[in-house]
Amino acid sequence: MGGKTRRMPRRRILGLLAAAAPAVLLASRAGAQDKAAPMDAIAAIKTRRSVRTYTDAPVSDALVEEVLRCGMQAPSACNEQPWQFVVVRDKATLAKVGGINPYAAYAKNAPVAILVAGDFGLDKCGGYWIEDTSACAENMLLAAHALGLGAVWTGIYPLPERVEAFRALLGMPETVTPMALLVMGYPAEHPAPQDRFRPERIHRERW
C-alpha cells in the first residue's frame, strides 16, 4: 500500500495512555488481590480438617493477627465479645501442653498455639461466653485453613483440671477461663475432605 504512514501526534498518544491508565491500574490491582486471596468461605468450610503435624516453617505475626481478627468477627450474645487470647510461641511452654492434655502433646512440635478464653468481666448476658468463644474459635480454624495453615482445636473447658492447669501455666487470672487451645502451623499432613452431610439428621417444622 503506497503513501506515507501517518504518525499519531504525540499529544494524542499521551491522551490515550492517560485515559487507559485507571483501567490498567484497576486490572492490575484486581489481579494482585486474586493471587493473594485465600479460598472462599464455602470451600474453607467444606475442606477444613484437623491437622496435628506441622513443618518447621514459622508462622508470621501478620498471619497470626489475621487469624485473630477473623476470630473477633464472630457473633456474640449482646455483642459482648467476651474473649481473651494468649499467643504462645515459646517451645518450653508448648512442651508442657502434653502434661495437661495428653491428646495435645503434639503442640510441642508446632510453631504457635493460640489459647481462646472467656472473660467473665465481659460476659454481660450471663453465661453465653461458652457459645461466644466457641464461635470465635471456629472462625479462627476456618481462617487458618483459608490462609494455608493447618490447625486443630484441643479441648480445655469444661474439664476443671485442664482449666486450672492452663491458668497456672500462662499466668491467667481467675476471672478468665481457658476454653480451647488452637494449635497451628504449616501442615505436614493433608487429610482428605469428608462429606459429613447427614439428611437423616434434619427435621422440618417438627421432630
N, C-alpha and C. Protein backbone atom coordinates (compact mmCIF):
# COMPACT_ATOMS: atom_id res chain seq x y z
N MET A 1 0.86 -1.18 0.00
CA MET A 1 0.00 0.00 0.00
C MET A 1 0.89 1.22 0.00
N GLY A 2 0.73 2.06 -1.01
CA GLY A 2 1.62 3.18 -1.15
C GLY A 2 1.30 4.33 -0.23
N GLY A 3 2.13 5.32 -0.29
CA GLY A 3 1.92 6.52 0.51
C GLY A 3 2.64 6.46 1.83
N LYS A 4 2.75 7.58 2.47
CA LYS A 4 3.43 7.66 3.75
C LYS A 4 2.50 7.28 4.90
N THR A 5 3.08 6.58 5.86
CA THR A 5 2.31 6.25 7.06
C THR A 5 2.22 7.47 7.96
N ARG A 6 0.98 7.78 8.32
CA ARG A 6 0.79 8.97 9.15
C ARG A 6 1.08 8.63 10.61
N ARG A 7 1.91 9.42 11.24
CA ARG A 7 2.20 9.23 12.66
C ARG A 7 1.12 9.89 13.51
N MET A 8 0.76 9.19 14.57
CA MET A 8 -0.21 9.78 15.50
C MET A 8 0.51 10.84 16.31
N PRO A 9 -0.08 12.01 16.46
CA PRO A 9 0.56 13.08 17.23
C PRO A 9 0.87 12.64 18.66
N ARG A 10 2.00 13.12 19.16
CA ARG A 10 2.46 12.73 20.50
C ARG A 10 1.41 13.10 21.55
N ARG A 11 0.78 14.24 21.39
CA ARG A 11 -0.23 14.68 22.35
C ARG A 11 -1.40 13.69 22.39
N ARG A 12 -1.75 13.17 21.20
CA ARG A 12 -2.85 12.21 21.12
C ARG A 12 -2.48 10.91 21.83
N ILE A 13 -1.25 10.47 21.64
CA ILE A 13 -0.78 9.23 22.28
C ILE A 13 -0.83 9.37 23.79
N LEU A 14 -0.34 10.50 24.31
CA LEU A 14 -0.35 10.73 25.75
C LEU A 14 -1.77 10.77 26.30
N GLY A 15 -2.67 11.35 25.50
CA GLY A 15 -4.06 11.42 25.92
C GLY A 15 -4.69 10.04 26.04
N LEU A 16 -4.39 9.16 25.06
CA LEU A 16 -4.93 7.80 25.12
C LEU A 16 -4.37 7.02 26.30
N LEU A 17 -3.08 7.18 26.57
CA LEU A 17 -2.46 6.50 27.71
C LEU A 17 -3.07 6.96 29.03
N ALA A 18 -3.28 8.28 29.14
CA ALA A 18 -3.87 8.82 30.36
C ALA A 18 -5.27 8.29 30.57
N ALA A 19 -6.03 8.15 29.48
CA ALA A 19 -7.40 7.65 29.59
C ALA A 19 -7.43 6.18 29.99
N ALA A 20 -6.44 5.42 29.49
CA ALA A 20 -6.41 3.98 29.78
C ALA A 20 -5.82 3.66 31.13
N ALA A 21 -5.04 4.56 31.71
CA ALA A 21 -4.31 4.28 32.95
C ALA A 21 -5.19 3.79 34.09
N PRO A 22 -6.34 4.45 34.38
CA PRO A 22 -7.16 3.98 35.50
C PRO A 22 -7.61 2.53 35.34
N ALA A 23 -8.01 2.15 34.11
CA ALA A 23 -8.47 0.79 33.88
C ALA A 23 -7.33 -0.21 34.06
N VAL A 24 -6.15 0.14 33.57
CA VAL A 24 -4.98 -0.74 33.73
C VAL A 24 -4.63 -0.91 35.20
N LEU A 25 -4.69 0.19 35.94
CA LEU A 25 -4.36 0.15 37.37
C LEU A 25 -5.35 -0.73 38.12
N LEU A 26 -6.65 -0.56 37.80
CA LEU A 26 -7.65 -1.38 38.47
C LEU A 26 -7.48 -2.85 38.14
N ALA A 27 -7.16 -3.14 36.88
CA ALA A 27 -6.97 -4.53 36.49
C ALA A 27 -5.79 -5.15 37.20
N SER A 28 -4.69 -4.38 37.33
CA SER A 28 -3.50 -4.91 37.99
C SER A 28 -3.77 -5.15 39.47
N ARG A 29 -4.53 -4.22 40.09
CA ARG A 29 -4.86 -4.40 41.50
C ARG A 29 -5.74 -5.63 41.70
N ALA A 30 -6.71 -5.80 40.81
CA ALA A 30 -7.59 -6.97 40.91
C ALA A 30 -6.80 -8.25 40.77
N GLY A 31 -5.83 -8.26 39.81
CA GLY A 31 -5.00 -9.44 39.63
C GLY A 31 -4.18 -9.75 40.87
N ALA A 32 -3.63 -8.72 41.49
CA ALA A 32 -2.82 -8.92 42.69
C ALA A 32 -3.67 -9.45 43.82
N GLN A 33 -4.90 -8.93 43.95
CA GLN A 33 -5.78 -9.39 45.02
C GLN A 33 -6.18 -10.84 44.78
N ASP A 34 -6.43 -11.20 43.51
CA ASP A 34 -6.81 -12.57 43.21
C ASP A 34 -5.70 -13.54 43.59
N LYS A 35 -4.46 -13.16 43.33
CA LYS A 35 -3.33 -14.03 43.65
C LYS A 35 -3.16 -14.18 45.15
N ALA A 36 -3.44 -13.11 45.90
CA ALA A 36 -3.22 -13.13 47.33
C ALA A 36 -4.43 -13.63 48.11
N ALA A 37 -5.58 -13.71 47.43
CA ALA A 37 -6.83 -14.01 48.14
C ALA A 37 -6.84 -15.45 48.64
N PRO A 38 -7.28 -15.67 49.88
CA PRO A 38 -7.46 -17.03 50.37
C PRO A 38 -8.69 -17.67 49.74
N MET A 39 -8.90 -18.94 50.00
CA MET A 39 -10.07 -19.63 49.45
C MET A 39 -11.36 -19.01 49.98
N ASP A 40 -12.45 -19.22 49.25
CA ASP A 40 -13.71 -18.62 49.68
C ASP A 40 -14.28 -19.38 50.88
N ALA A 41 -15.31 -18.81 51.49
CA ALA A 41 -15.84 -19.33 52.75
C ALA A 41 -16.39 -20.75 52.60
N ILE A 42 -17.13 -21.01 51.52
CA ILE A 42 -17.74 -22.33 51.34
C ILE A 42 -16.66 -23.40 51.19
N ALA A 43 -15.63 -23.10 50.40
CA ALA A 43 -14.53 -24.06 50.22
C ALA A 43 -13.81 -24.30 51.54
N ALA A 44 -13.58 -23.24 52.31
CA ALA A 44 -12.89 -23.39 53.59
C ALA A 44 -13.69 -24.28 54.54
N ILE A 45 -15.00 -24.06 54.60
CA ILE A 45 -15.85 -24.86 55.48
C ILE A 45 -15.85 -26.33 55.08
N LYS A 46 -15.96 -26.59 53.78
CA LYS A 46 -16.11 -27.97 53.31
C LYS A 46 -14.80 -28.76 53.27
N THR A 47 -13.67 -28.07 53.28
CA THR A 47 -12.38 -28.79 53.17
C THR A 47 -11.54 -28.73 54.43
N ARG A 48 -11.97 -27.96 55.45
CA ARG A 48 -11.19 -27.88 56.68
C ARG A 48 -11.15 -29.23 57.39
N ARG A 49 -9.95 -29.62 57.81
CA ARG A 49 -9.78 -30.82 58.63
C ARG A 49 -8.80 -30.49 59.76
N SER A 50 -8.87 -31.26 60.82
CA SER A 50 -7.92 -31.07 61.93
C SER A 50 -6.54 -31.54 61.50
N VAL A 51 -5.54 -30.70 61.72
CA VAL A 51 -4.15 -31.01 61.33
C VAL A 51 -3.30 -31.01 62.59
N ARG A 52 -2.57 -32.10 62.79
CA ARG A 52 -1.80 -32.28 64.03
C ARG A 52 -0.30 -32.40 63.81
N THR A 53 0.15 -32.37 62.57
CA THR A 53 1.59 -32.38 62.30
C THR A 53 1.93 -31.20 61.40
N TYR A 54 3.09 -30.59 61.67
CA TYR A 54 3.43 -29.31 61.03
C TYR A 54 4.87 -29.33 60.54
N THR A 55 5.14 -28.49 59.56
CA THR A 55 6.51 -28.32 59.10
C THR A 55 7.26 -27.41 60.08
N ASP A 56 8.53 -27.20 59.82
CA ASP A 56 9.33 -26.32 60.67
C ASP A 56 9.19 -24.85 60.31
N ALA A 57 8.42 -24.55 59.27
CA ALA A 57 8.29 -23.17 58.82
C ALA A 57 7.59 -22.32 59.89
N PRO A 58 8.14 -21.15 60.19
CA PRO A 58 7.49 -20.27 61.18
C PRO A 58 6.22 -19.65 60.62
N VAL A 59 5.31 -19.30 61.50
CA VAL A 59 4.08 -18.61 61.13
C VAL A 59 4.26 -17.14 61.51
N SER A 60 4.11 -16.25 60.56
CA SER A 60 4.38 -14.83 60.79
C SER A 60 3.38 -14.21 61.76
N ASP A 61 3.81 -13.12 62.37
CA ASP A 61 2.91 -12.35 63.24
C ASP A 61 1.72 -11.83 62.46
N ALA A 62 1.95 -11.49 61.19
CA ALA A 62 0.86 -10.96 60.37
C ALA A 62 -0.24 -12.01 60.17
N LEU A 63 0.16 -13.26 59.93
CA LEU A 63 -0.83 -14.32 59.76
C LEU A 63 -1.58 -14.59 61.05
N VAL A 64 -0.84 -14.61 62.17
CA VAL A 64 -1.49 -14.82 63.46
C VAL A 64 -2.51 -13.71 63.73
N GLU A 65 -2.13 -12.48 63.41
CA GLU A 65 -3.06 -11.36 63.62
C GLU A 65 -4.29 -11.51 62.74
N GLU A 66 -4.11 -11.96 61.52
CA GLU A 66 -5.26 -12.13 60.63
C GLU A 66 -6.22 -13.20 61.17
N VAL A 67 -5.66 -14.28 61.69
CA VAL A 67 -6.49 -15.32 62.31
C VAL A 67 -7.25 -14.75 63.51
N LEU A 68 -6.58 -13.96 64.33
CA LEU A 68 -7.23 -13.34 65.49
C LEU A 68 -8.32 -12.35 65.06
N ARG A 69 -8.04 -11.58 64.02
CA ARG A 69 -9.04 -10.63 63.52
C ARG A 69 -10.31 -11.36 63.08
N CYS A 70 -10.12 -12.49 62.39
CA CYS A 70 -11.28 -13.27 61.93
C CYS A 70 -12.02 -13.85 63.13
N GLY A 71 -11.29 -14.28 64.15
CA GLY A 71 -11.95 -14.78 65.35
C GLY A 71 -12.82 -13.73 65.99
N MET A 72 -12.33 -12.51 66.06
CA MET A 72 -13.06 -11.44 66.73
C MET A 72 -14.24 -10.91 65.91
N GLN A 73 -14.42 -11.42 64.69
CA GLN A 73 -15.59 -11.06 63.89
C GLN A 73 -16.78 -11.97 64.21
N ALA A 74 -16.59 -12.93 65.11
CA ALA A 74 -17.66 -13.88 65.43
C ALA A 74 -18.83 -13.18 66.12
N PRO A 75 -20.03 -13.73 65.99
CA PRO A 75 -21.17 -13.18 66.72
C PRO A 75 -21.04 -13.49 68.21
N SER A 76 -21.67 -12.67 69.04
CA SER A 76 -21.68 -12.93 70.48
C SER A 76 -22.94 -12.36 71.09
N ALA A 77 -23.40 -12.97 72.17
CA ALA A 77 -24.62 -12.51 72.84
C ALA A 77 -24.44 -11.07 73.30
N CYS A 78 -25.43 -10.24 73.03
CA CYS A 78 -25.40 -8.81 73.39
C CYS A 78 -24.19 -8.09 72.80
N ASN A 79 -23.58 -8.70 71.79
CA ASN A 79 -22.34 -8.17 71.21
C ASN A 79 -21.29 -7.95 72.30
N GLU A 80 -21.24 -8.87 73.25
CA GLU A 80 -20.35 -8.70 74.40
C GLU A 80 -18.88 -8.98 74.09
N GLN A 81 -18.63 -9.84 73.08
CA GLN A 81 -17.25 -10.15 72.68
C GLN A 81 -16.40 -10.49 73.91
N PRO A 82 -16.76 -11.54 74.66
CA PRO A 82 -16.13 -11.80 75.95
C PRO A 82 -14.83 -12.60 75.86
N TRP A 83 -14.13 -12.50 74.74
CA TRP A 83 -12.96 -13.34 74.54
C TRP A 83 -11.65 -12.64 74.90
N GLN A 84 -10.70 -13.46 75.30
CA GLN A 84 -9.31 -13.07 75.51
C GLN A 84 -8.45 -14.15 74.86
N PHE A 85 -7.22 -13.80 74.51
CA PHE A 85 -6.35 -14.74 73.80
C PHE A 85 -4.94 -14.70 74.39
N VAL A 86 -4.28 -15.84 74.33
CA VAL A 86 -2.85 -15.90 74.66
C VAL A 86 -2.16 -16.58 73.48
N VAL A 87 -1.28 -15.86 72.81
CA VAL A 87 -0.50 -16.42 71.70
C VAL A 87 0.78 -17.00 72.29
N VAL A 88 1.02 -18.28 72.04
CA VAL A 88 2.15 -18.98 72.64
C VAL A 88 3.09 -19.47 71.53
N ARG A 89 4.32 -19.00 71.59
CA ARG A 89 5.35 -19.46 70.66
C ARG A 89 6.50 -20.16 71.39
N ASP A 90 6.65 -19.89 72.68
CA ASP A 90 7.77 -20.42 73.45
C ASP A 90 7.73 -21.95 73.46
N LYS A 91 8.81 -22.57 73.01
CA LYS A 91 8.86 -24.03 72.88
C LYS A 91 8.78 -24.71 74.24
N ALA A 92 9.38 -24.12 75.26
CA ALA A 92 9.33 -24.72 76.59
C ALA A 92 7.89 -24.76 77.11
N THR A 93 7.13 -23.71 76.82
CA THR A 93 5.73 -23.68 77.24
C THR A 93 4.91 -24.68 76.44
N LEU A 94 5.10 -24.72 75.13
CA LEU A 94 4.35 -25.65 74.29
C LEU A 94 4.66 -27.11 74.66
N ALA A 95 5.87 -27.36 75.13
CA ALA A 95 6.25 -28.72 75.52
C ALA A 95 5.49 -29.19 76.76
N LYS A 96 4.96 -28.25 77.53
CA LYS A 96 4.23 -28.60 78.75
C LYS A 96 2.75 -28.89 78.50
N VAL A 97 2.28 -28.59 77.30
CA VAL A 97 0.87 -28.79 76.99
C VAL A 97 0.47 -30.26 77.12
N GLY A 98 1.35 -31.16 76.67
CA GLY A 98 1.04 -32.59 76.74
C GLY A 98 0.87 -33.09 78.15
N GLY A 99 1.48 -32.43 79.12
CA GLY A 99 1.31 -32.82 80.51
C GLY A 99 -0.04 -32.42 81.06
N ILE A 100 -0.70 -31.49 80.40
CA ILE A 100 -2.04 -31.05 80.81
C ILE A 100 -3.10 -31.81 80.02
N ASN A 101 -2.89 -31.89 78.73
CA ASN A 101 -3.81 -32.60 77.84
C ASN A 101 -3.00 -33.56 76.99
N PRO A 102 -2.99 -34.86 77.34
CA PRO A 102 -2.17 -35.81 76.59
C PRO A 102 -2.55 -35.93 75.13
N TYR A 103 -3.79 -35.53 74.79
CA TYR A 103 -4.22 -35.59 73.39
C TYR A 103 -3.71 -34.41 72.57
N ALA A 104 -3.00 -33.51 73.23
CA ALA A 104 -2.45 -32.34 72.54
C ALA A 104 -0.93 -32.28 72.70
N ALA A 105 -0.31 -33.42 72.93
CA ALA A 105 1.14 -33.44 73.15
C ALA A 105 1.92 -32.95 71.92
N TYR A 106 1.33 -33.07 70.75
CA TYR A 106 1.99 -32.63 69.51
C TYR A 106 2.17 -31.11 69.47
N ALA A 107 1.59 -30.40 70.41
CA ALA A 107 1.76 -28.95 70.44
C ALA A 107 3.23 -28.57 70.55
N LYS A 108 4.04 -29.44 71.13
CA LYS A 108 5.47 -29.15 71.28
C LYS A 108 6.17 -29.02 69.94
N ASN A 109 5.58 -29.57 68.89
CA ASN A 109 6.18 -29.51 67.55
C ASN A 109 5.58 -28.40 66.69
N ALA A 110 4.65 -27.64 67.23
CA ALA A 110 4.00 -26.59 66.46
C ALA A 110 4.74 -25.27 66.64
N PRO A 111 4.71 -24.41 65.62
CA PRO A 111 5.35 -23.10 65.76
C PRO A 111 4.57 -22.12 66.62
N VAL A 112 3.25 -22.36 66.75
CA VAL A 112 2.44 -21.40 67.51
C VAL A 112 1.15 -22.08 67.95
N ALA A 113 0.63 -21.61 69.07
CA ALA A 113 -0.70 -22.02 69.53
C ALA A 113 -1.39 -20.78 70.08
N ILE A 114 -2.70 -20.76 69.96
CA ILE A 114 -3.48 -19.63 70.48
C ILE A 114 -4.53 -20.16 71.45
N LEU A 115 -4.44 -19.70 72.68
CA LEU A 115 -5.44 -20.08 73.67
C LEU A 115 -6.59 -19.09 73.60
N VAL A 116 -7.81 -19.64 73.49
CA VAL A 116 -9.03 -18.83 73.46
C VAL A 116 -9.70 -18.96 74.83
N ALA A 117 -10.01 -17.84 75.45
CA ALA A 117 -10.57 -17.85 76.80
C ALA A 117 -11.76 -16.93 76.90
N GLY A 118 -12.61 -17.20 77.89
CA GLY A 118 -13.76 -16.35 78.17
C GLY A 118 -13.49 -15.49 79.39
N ASP A 119 -13.81 -14.22 79.28
CA ASP A 119 -13.59 -13.25 80.35
C ASP A 119 -14.92 -12.94 81.03
N PHE A 120 -15.06 -13.38 82.29
CA PHE A 120 -16.32 -13.17 83.00
C PHE A 120 -16.64 -11.69 83.17
N GLY A 121 -15.62 -10.86 83.21
CA GLY A 121 -15.83 -9.42 83.34
C GLY A 121 -16.48 -8.81 82.12
N LEU A 122 -16.42 -9.52 80.99
CA LEU A 122 -17.03 -9.04 79.75
C LEU A 122 -18.32 -9.78 79.41
N ASP A 123 -18.70 -10.72 80.25
CA ASP A 123 -19.86 -11.58 79.98
C ASP A 123 -21.13 -10.90 80.48
N LYS A 124 -21.63 -9.94 79.73
CA LYS A 124 -22.77 -9.12 80.15
C LYS A 124 -24.08 -9.90 80.22
N CYS A 125 -24.25 -10.87 79.35
CA CYS A 125 -25.55 -11.54 79.24
C CYS A 125 -25.67 -12.77 80.14
N GLY A 126 -24.62 -13.09 80.87
CA GLY A 126 -24.72 -14.14 81.86
C GLY A 126 -24.68 -15.55 81.33
N GLY A 127 -23.48 -16.05 81.02
CA GLY A 127 -23.32 -17.46 80.70
C GLY A 127 -23.15 -17.80 79.24
N TYR A 128 -23.30 -16.85 78.35
CA TYR A 128 -23.18 -17.15 76.92
C TYR A 128 -21.74 -17.14 76.42
N TRP A 129 -20.79 -16.92 77.32
CA TRP A 129 -19.39 -16.85 76.90
C TRP A 129 -18.93 -18.14 76.23
N ILE A 130 -19.55 -19.26 76.60
CA ILE A 130 -19.14 -20.54 76.01
C ILE A 130 -19.49 -20.57 74.52
N GLU A 131 -20.75 -20.21 74.19
CA GLU A 131 -21.13 -20.15 72.79
C GLU A 131 -20.31 -19.10 72.04
N ASP A 132 -20.10 -17.96 72.68
CA ASP A 132 -19.38 -16.86 72.03
C ASP A 132 -17.94 -17.26 71.68
N THR A 133 -17.24 -17.83 72.65
CA THR A 133 -15.84 -18.20 72.40
C THR A 133 -15.74 -19.39 71.44
N SER A 134 -16.77 -20.24 71.45
CA SER A 134 -16.77 -21.36 70.51
C SER A 134 -16.91 -20.86 69.07
N ALA A 135 -17.82 -19.89 68.87
CA ALA A 135 -17.96 -19.30 67.53
C ALA A 135 -16.67 -18.62 67.11
N CYS A 136 -16.03 -17.94 68.04
CA CYS A 136 -14.77 -17.27 67.77
C CYS A 136 -13.69 -18.28 67.36
N ALA A 137 -13.59 -19.39 68.10
CA ALA A 137 -12.58 -20.40 67.80
C ALA A 137 -12.81 -21.03 66.44
N GLU A 138 -14.07 -21.30 66.09
CA GLU A 138 -14.35 -21.88 64.78
C GLU A 138 -13.98 -20.92 63.66
N ASN A 139 -14.28 -19.64 63.84
CA ASN A 139 -13.83 -18.64 62.86
C ASN A 139 -12.32 -18.72 62.65
N MET A 140 -11.60 -18.86 63.75
CA MET A 140 -10.14 -18.89 63.68
C MET A 140 -9.63 -20.13 62.95
N LEU A 141 -10.27 -21.28 63.19
CA LEU A 141 -9.87 -22.50 62.49
C LEU A 141 -10.10 -22.37 60.99
N LEU A 142 -11.24 -21.80 60.61
CA LEU A 142 -11.54 -21.62 59.19
C LEU A 142 -10.58 -20.61 58.55
N ALA A 143 -10.28 -19.54 59.28
CA ALA A 143 -9.34 -18.55 58.75
C ALA A 143 -7.96 -19.16 58.56
N ALA A 144 -7.51 -19.93 59.53
CA ALA A 144 -6.20 -20.56 59.43
C ALA A 144 -6.14 -21.46 58.19
N HIS A 145 -7.17 -22.27 57.99
CA HIS A 145 -7.23 -23.15 56.83
C HIS A 145 -7.24 -22.36 55.53
N ALA A 146 -8.05 -21.31 55.48
CA ALA A 146 -8.15 -20.49 54.27
C ALA A 146 -6.83 -19.81 53.94
N LEU A 147 -6.01 -19.55 54.95
CA LEU A 147 -4.72 -18.88 54.76
C LEU A 147 -3.58 -19.86 54.52
N GLY A 148 -3.91 -21.15 54.40
CA GLY A 148 -2.87 -22.14 54.09
C GLY A 148 -2.24 -22.78 55.31
N LEU A 149 -2.78 -22.53 56.49
CA LEU A 149 -2.26 -23.13 57.71
C LEU A 149 -3.06 -24.38 58.05
N GLY A 150 -2.47 -25.22 58.88
CA GLY A 150 -3.20 -26.35 59.45
C GLY A 150 -3.41 -26.07 60.92
N ALA A 151 -4.56 -26.45 61.45
CA ALA A 151 -4.85 -26.15 62.85
C ALA A 151 -5.77 -27.21 63.43
N VAL A 152 -5.80 -27.27 64.76
CA VAL A 152 -6.68 -28.20 65.44
C VAL A 152 -7.14 -27.58 66.76
N TRP A 153 -8.39 -27.84 67.11
CA TRP A 153 -8.99 -27.41 68.37
C TRP A 153 -8.65 -28.47 69.41
N THR A 154 -7.97 -28.11 70.48
CA THR A 154 -7.73 -29.03 71.59
C THR A 154 -8.51 -28.53 72.80
N GLY A 155 -9.24 -29.44 73.43
CA GLY A 155 -10.19 -29.05 74.45
C GLY A 155 -9.58 -28.72 75.81
N ILE A 156 -10.15 -27.73 76.45
CA ILE A 156 -9.78 -27.36 77.83
C ILE A 156 -11.05 -27.38 78.68
N TYR A 157 -11.92 -26.37 78.51
CA TYR A 157 -13.18 -26.30 79.22
C TYR A 157 -14.11 -27.38 78.67
N PRO A 158 -14.88 -28.10 79.53
CA PRO A 158 -15.21 -27.82 80.94
C PRO A 158 -14.42 -28.65 81.95
N LEU A 159 -13.31 -29.25 81.55
CA LEU A 159 -12.57 -30.09 82.49
C LEU A 159 -11.82 -29.20 83.49
N PRO A 160 -12.19 -29.22 84.76
CA PRO A 160 -11.61 -28.29 85.73
C PRO A 160 -10.11 -28.42 85.89
N GLU A 161 -9.58 -29.65 85.78
CA GLU A 161 -8.14 -29.82 85.94
C GLU A 161 -7.37 -29.16 84.81
N ARG A 162 -7.91 -29.20 83.61
CA ARG A 162 -7.24 -28.54 82.48
C ARG A 162 -7.36 -27.02 82.60
N VAL A 163 -8.55 -26.56 83.00
CA VAL A 163 -8.75 -25.12 83.16
C VAL A 163 -7.73 -24.57 84.15
N GLU A 164 -7.60 -25.21 85.30
CA GLU A 164 -6.68 -24.71 86.33
C GLU A 164 -5.22 -24.83 85.89
N ALA A 165 -4.89 -25.90 85.20
CA ALA A 165 -3.51 -26.10 84.77
C ALA A 165 -3.09 -25.07 83.73
N PHE A 166 -3.98 -24.75 82.80
CA PHE A 166 -3.65 -23.73 81.80
C PHE A 166 -3.61 -22.34 82.42
N ARG A 167 -4.47 -22.09 83.38
CA ARG A 167 -4.41 -20.81 84.09
C ARG A 167 -3.03 -20.65 84.74
N ALA A 168 -2.58 -21.72 85.40
CA ALA A 168 -1.28 -21.65 86.09
C ALA A 168 -0.13 -21.54 85.09
N LEU A 169 -0.20 -22.31 84.01
CA LEU A 169 0.87 -22.31 83.02
C LEU A 169 1.06 -20.94 82.38
N LEU A 170 -0.05 -20.25 82.13
CA LEU A 170 0.01 -18.98 81.39
C LEU A 170 -0.24 -17.76 82.27
N GLY A 171 -0.33 -17.95 83.58
CA GLY A 171 -0.48 -16.82 84.50
C GLY A 171 -1.76 -16.05 84.31
N MET A 172 -2.86 -16.78 84.11
CA MET A 172 -4.15 -16.14 83.82
C MET A 172 -4.92 -15.88 85.11
N PRO A 173 -5.69 -14.80 85.17
CA PRO A 173 -6.48 -14.50 86.37
C PRO A 173 -7.68 -15.44 86.52
N GLU A 174 -8.24 -15.51 87.70
CA GLU A 174 -9.37 -16.38 87.98
C GLU A 174 -10.62 -15.97 87.22
N THR A 175 -10.70 -14.71 86.83
CA THR A 175 -11.89 -14.22 86.12
C THR A 175 -11.88 -14.57 84.63
N VAL A 176 -10.82 -15.21 84.18
CA VAL A 176 -10.71 -15.61 82.78
C VAL A 176 -10.59 -17.13 82.72
N THR A 177 -11.43 -17.76 81.92
CA THR A 177 -11.46 -19.22 81.84
C THR A 177 -10.95 -19.71 80.49
N PRO A 178 -9.86 -20.48 80.46
CA PRO A 178 -9.38 -21.07 79.22
C PRO A 178 -10.45 -22.00 78.63
N MET A 179 -10.76 -21.82 77.36
CA MET A 179 -11.80 -22.63 76.73
C MET A 179 -11.21 -23.65 75.76
N ALA A 180 -10.24 -23.22 74.93
CA ALA A 180 -9.64 -24.13 73.95
C ALA A 180 -8.25 -23.63 73.59
N LEU A 181 -7.40 -24.56 73.22
CA LEU A 181 -6.07 -24.22 72.70
C LEU A 181 -6.05 -24.62 71.23
N LEU A 182 -5.88 -23.65 70.35
CA LEU A 182 -5.80 -23.91 68.92
C LEU A 182 -4.33 -24.02 68.53
N VAL A 183 -3.93 -25.21 68.16
CA VAL A 183 -2.54 -25.47 67.77
C VAL A 183 -2.46 -25.34 66.26
N MET A 184 -1.44 -24.63 65.75
CA MET A 184 -1.40 -24.41 64.31
C MET A 184 0.02 -24.25 63.77
N GLY A 185 0.11 -24.43 62.48
CA GLY A 185 1.37 -24.29 61.75
C GLY A 185 1.12 -24.64 60.30
N TYR A 186 2.17 -24.62 59.50
CA TYR A 186 2.03 -25.06 58.11
C TYR A 186 1.91 -26.59 58.10
N PRO A 187 0.90 -27.13 57.42
CA PRO A 187 0.61 -28.57 57.55
C PRO A 187 1.67 -29.47 56.93
N ALA A 188 2.03 -30.51 57.67
CA ALA A 188 2.89 -31.57 57.14
C ALA A 188 2.04 -32.77 56.74
N GLU A 189 0.76 -32.68 56.95
CA GLU A 189 -0.21 -33.69 56.52
C GLU A 189 -1.39 -32.98 55.88
N HIS A 190 -2.06 -33.67 55.00
CA HIS A 190 -3.19 -33.06 54.29
C HIS A 190 -4.35 -34.05 54.28
N PRO A 191 -5.08 -34.14 55.39
CA PRO A 191 -6.23 -35.06 55.44
C PRO A 191 -7.25 -34.73 54.36
N ALA A 192 -7.78 -35.76 53.74
CA ALA A 192 -8.75 -35.56 52.67
C ALA A 192 -10.05 -35.00 53.23
N PRO A 193 -10.71 -34.12 52.47
CA PRO A 193 -12.01 -33.60 52.91
C PRO A 193 -13.02 -34.73 53.07
N GLN A 194 -13.96 -34.54 53.96
CA GLN A 194 -15.03 -35.51 54.18
C GLN A 194 -16.39 -34.83 54.02
N ASP A 195 -17.30 -35.51 53.35
CA ASP A 195 -18.67 -35.01 53.25
C ASP A 195 -19.44 -35.53 54.47
N ARG A 196 -19.76 -34.64 55.38
CA ARG A 196 -20.42 -35.04 56.62
C ARG A 196 -21.92 -34.73 56.63
N PHE A 197 -22.46 -34.43 55.47
CA PHE A 197 -23.89 -34.13 55.38
C PHE A 197 -24.70 -35.39 55.67
N ARG A 198 -25.64 -35.29 56.61
CA ARG A 198 -26.48 -36.42 57.00
C ARG A 198 -27.95 -35.99 56.92
N PRO A 199 -28.63 -36.25 55.81
CA PRO A 199 -30.01 -35.80 55.67
C PRO A 199 -30.95 -36.38 56.72
N GLU A 200 -30.62 -37.56 57.25
CA GLU A 200 -31.49 -38.16 58.27
C GLU A 200 -31.48 -37.41 59.59
N ARG A 201 -30.54 -36.48 59.76
CA ARG A 201 -30.48 -35.67 60.98
C ARG A 201 -31.35 -34.40 60.88
N ILE A 202 -31.97 -34.21 59.74
CA ILE A 202 -32.73 -32.98 59.51
C ILE A 202 -34.22 -33.22 59.77
N HIS A 203 -34.82 -32.39 60.61
CA HIS A 203 -36.25 -32.47 60.91
C HIS A 203 -36.87 -31.14 60.47
N ARG A 204 -38.01 -31.20 59.83
CA ARG A 204 -38.62 -29.99 59.27
C ARG A 204 -39.93 -29.69 59.99
N GLU A 205 -40.04 -28.47 60.45
CA GLU A 205 -41.21 -27.96 61.18
C GLU A 205 -41.33 -28.55 62.58
N ARG A 206 -41.34 -29.90 62.70
CA ARG A 206 -41.41 -30.58 63.99
C ARG A 206 -40.52 -31.79 63.97
N TRP A 207 -40.21 -32.31 65.13
CA TRP A 207 -39.40 -33.53 65.21
C TRP A 207 -40.17 -34.69 64.60
